[in-house]
Amino acid sequence: MFEILADNNFGDTRSSDGLAGPMALLLILLLAAATIFLIRNMNKRLKRLPEKFETKDEADGEP
C-alpha cells in the first residue's frame, strides 16, 4: 500500500518533463472557478435578505 502512495506519478520532476506544473494549473483553475460560483451564489442570497430584521421586542408588539 505504501508503494502505491509513494509512487511518483508526476514524471521526472528534476527536469522539465514532469506533470506537476500542468496539474497545479488545473487545480488552481478549478479552485478559482469554485470560488467564483460561491461568490455569485452568496451575492444572490444576500440580495434576498430583508434590509432590517425584527428584534424580539418588535415581534411582541412592545416599543
C-alpha atoms as a PDB file:
ATOM      1  CA  MET A   1       0.000   0.000   0.000  1.00  0.00           C
ATOM      2  CA  PHE A   2       2.812   2.424   0.830  1.00  0.00           C
ATOM      3  CA  GLU A   3       4.428   1.718  -2.538  1.00  0.00           C
ATOM      4  CA  ILE A   4       1.292   2.967  -4.311  1.00  0.00           C
ATOM      5  CA  LEU A   5       1.185   6.140  -2.209  1.00  0.00           C
ATOM      6  CA  ALA A   6       4.910   6.774  -2.645  1.00  0.00           C
ATOM      7  CA  ASP A   7       4.841   6.199  -6.412  1.00  0.00           C
ATOM      8  CA  ASN A   8       5.905   9.223  -8.448  1.00  0.00           C
ATOM      9  CA  ASN A   9       3.054   9.876 -10.873  1.00  0.00           C
ATOM     10  CA  PHE A  10       4.373  13.248 -11.998  1.00  0.00           C
ATOM     11  CA  GLY A  11       7.232  12.017 -14.180  1.00  0.00           C
ATOM     12  CA  ASP A  12      10.800  13.193 -13.788  1.00  0.00           C
ATOM     13  CA  THR A  13      10.419  16.245 -11.540  1.00  0.00           C
ATOM     14  CA  ARG A  14      14.086  17.240 -11.811  1.00  0.00           C
ATOM     15  CA  SER A  15      13.789  18.017 -15.488  1.00  0.00           C
ATOM     16  CA  SER A  16      11.021  19.989 -17.150  1.00  0.00           C
ATOM     17  CA  ASP A  17       9.241  16.826 -18.344  1.00  0.00           C
ATOM     18  CA  GLY A  18       7.137  16.396 -15.208  1.00  0.00           C
ATOM     19  CA  LEU A  19       3.394  16.972 -14.915  1.00  0.00           C
ATOM     20  CA  ALA A  20       3.489  18.975 -11.689  1.00  0.00           C
ATOM     21  CA  GLY A  21       3.133  22.326 -13.491  1.00  0.00           C
ATOM     22  CA  PRO A  22       0.044  21.462 -15.588  1.00  0.00           C
ATOM     23  CA  MET A  23      -1.567  19.609 -12.688  1.00  0.00           C
ATOM     24  CA  ALA A  24      -1.081  22.613 -10.406  1.00  0.00           C
ATOM     25  CA  LEU A  25      -2.527  24.930 -13.064  1.00  0.00           C
ATOM     26  CA  LEU A  26      -5.590  22.697 -13.399  1.00  0.00           C
ATOM     27  CA  LEU A  27      -6.056  22.670  -9.636  1.00  0.00           C
ATOM     28  CA  ILE A  28      -5.736  26.464  -9.407  1.00  0.00           C
ATOM     29  CA  LEU A  29      -8.265  26.953 -12.220  1.00  0.00           C
ATOM     30  CA  LEU A  30     -10.733  24.577 -10.558  1.00  0.00           C
ATOM     31  CA  LEU A  31     -10.380  26.384  -7.224  1.00  0.00           C
ATOM     32  CA  ALA A  32     -10.828  29.760  -8.920  1.00  0.00           C
ATOM     33  CA  ALA A  33     -13.992  28.561 -10.695  1.00  0.00           C
ATOM     34  CA  ALA A  34     -15.407  27.177  -7.443  1.00  0.00           C
ATOM     35  CA  THR A  35     -14.675  30.479  -5.677  1.00  0.00           C
ATOM     36  CA  ILE A  36     -16.408  32.481  -8.408  1.00  0.00           C
ATOM     37  CA  PHE A  37     -19.512  30.278  -8.232  1.00  0.00           C
ATOM     38  CA  LEU A  38     -19.609  30.524  -4.423  1.00  0.00           C
ATOM     39  CA  ILE A  39     -19.341  34.319  -4.501  1.00  0.00           C
ATOM     40  CA  ARG A  40     -22.127  34.593  -7.093  1.00  0.00           C
ATOM     41  CA  ASN A  41     -24.361  32.294  -5.044  1.00  0.00           C
ATOM     42  CA  MET A  42     -23.773  34.240  -1.820  1.00  0.00           C
ATOM     43  CA  ASN A  43     -24.498  37.562  -3.564  1.00  0.00           C
ATOM     44  CA  LYS A  44     -27.847  36.208  -4.780  1.00  0.00           C
ATOM     45  CA  ARG A  45     -28.721  35.028  -1.277  1.00  0.00           C
ATOM     46  CA  LEU A  46     -27.705  38.335   0.332  1.00  0.00           C
ATOM     47  CA  LYS A  47     -29.929  40.282  -2.069  1.00  0.00           C
ATOM     48  CA  ARG A  48     -32.934  38.231  -0.918  1.00  0.00           C
ATOM     49  CA  LEU A  49     -32.464  39.136   2.751  1.00  0.00           C
ATOM     50  CA  PRO A  50     -34.613  41.878   4.259  1.00  0.00           C
ATOM     51  CA  GLU A  51     -32.926  45.209   4.977  1.00  0.00           C
ATOM     52  CA  LYS A  52     -33.804  45.078   8.664  1.00  0.00           C
ATOM     53  CA  PHE A  53     -34.637  42.135  10.884  1.00  0.00           C
ATOM     54  CA  GLU A  54     -37.271  42.392  13.588  1.00  0.00           C
ATOM     55  CA  THR A  55     -35.994  42.166  17.124  1.00  0.00           C
ATOM     56  CA  LYS A  56     -37.724  40.113  19.784  1.00  0.00           C
ATOM     57  CA  ASP A  57     -39.338  43.212  21.299  1.00  0.00           C
ATOM     58  CA  GLU A  58     -40.705  44.422  17.945  1.00  0.00           C
ATOM     59  CA  ALA A  59     -42.182  40.993  17.238  1.00  0.00           C
ATOM     60  CA  ASP A  60     -44.063  41.032  20.599  1.00  0.00           C
ATOM     61  CA  GLY A  61     -45.555  44.473  19.878  1.00  0.00           C
ATOM     62  CA  GLU A  62     -43.676  46.264  22.630  1.00  0.00           C
ATOM     63  CA  PRO A  63     -41.905  49.530  21.686  1.00  0.00           C
END
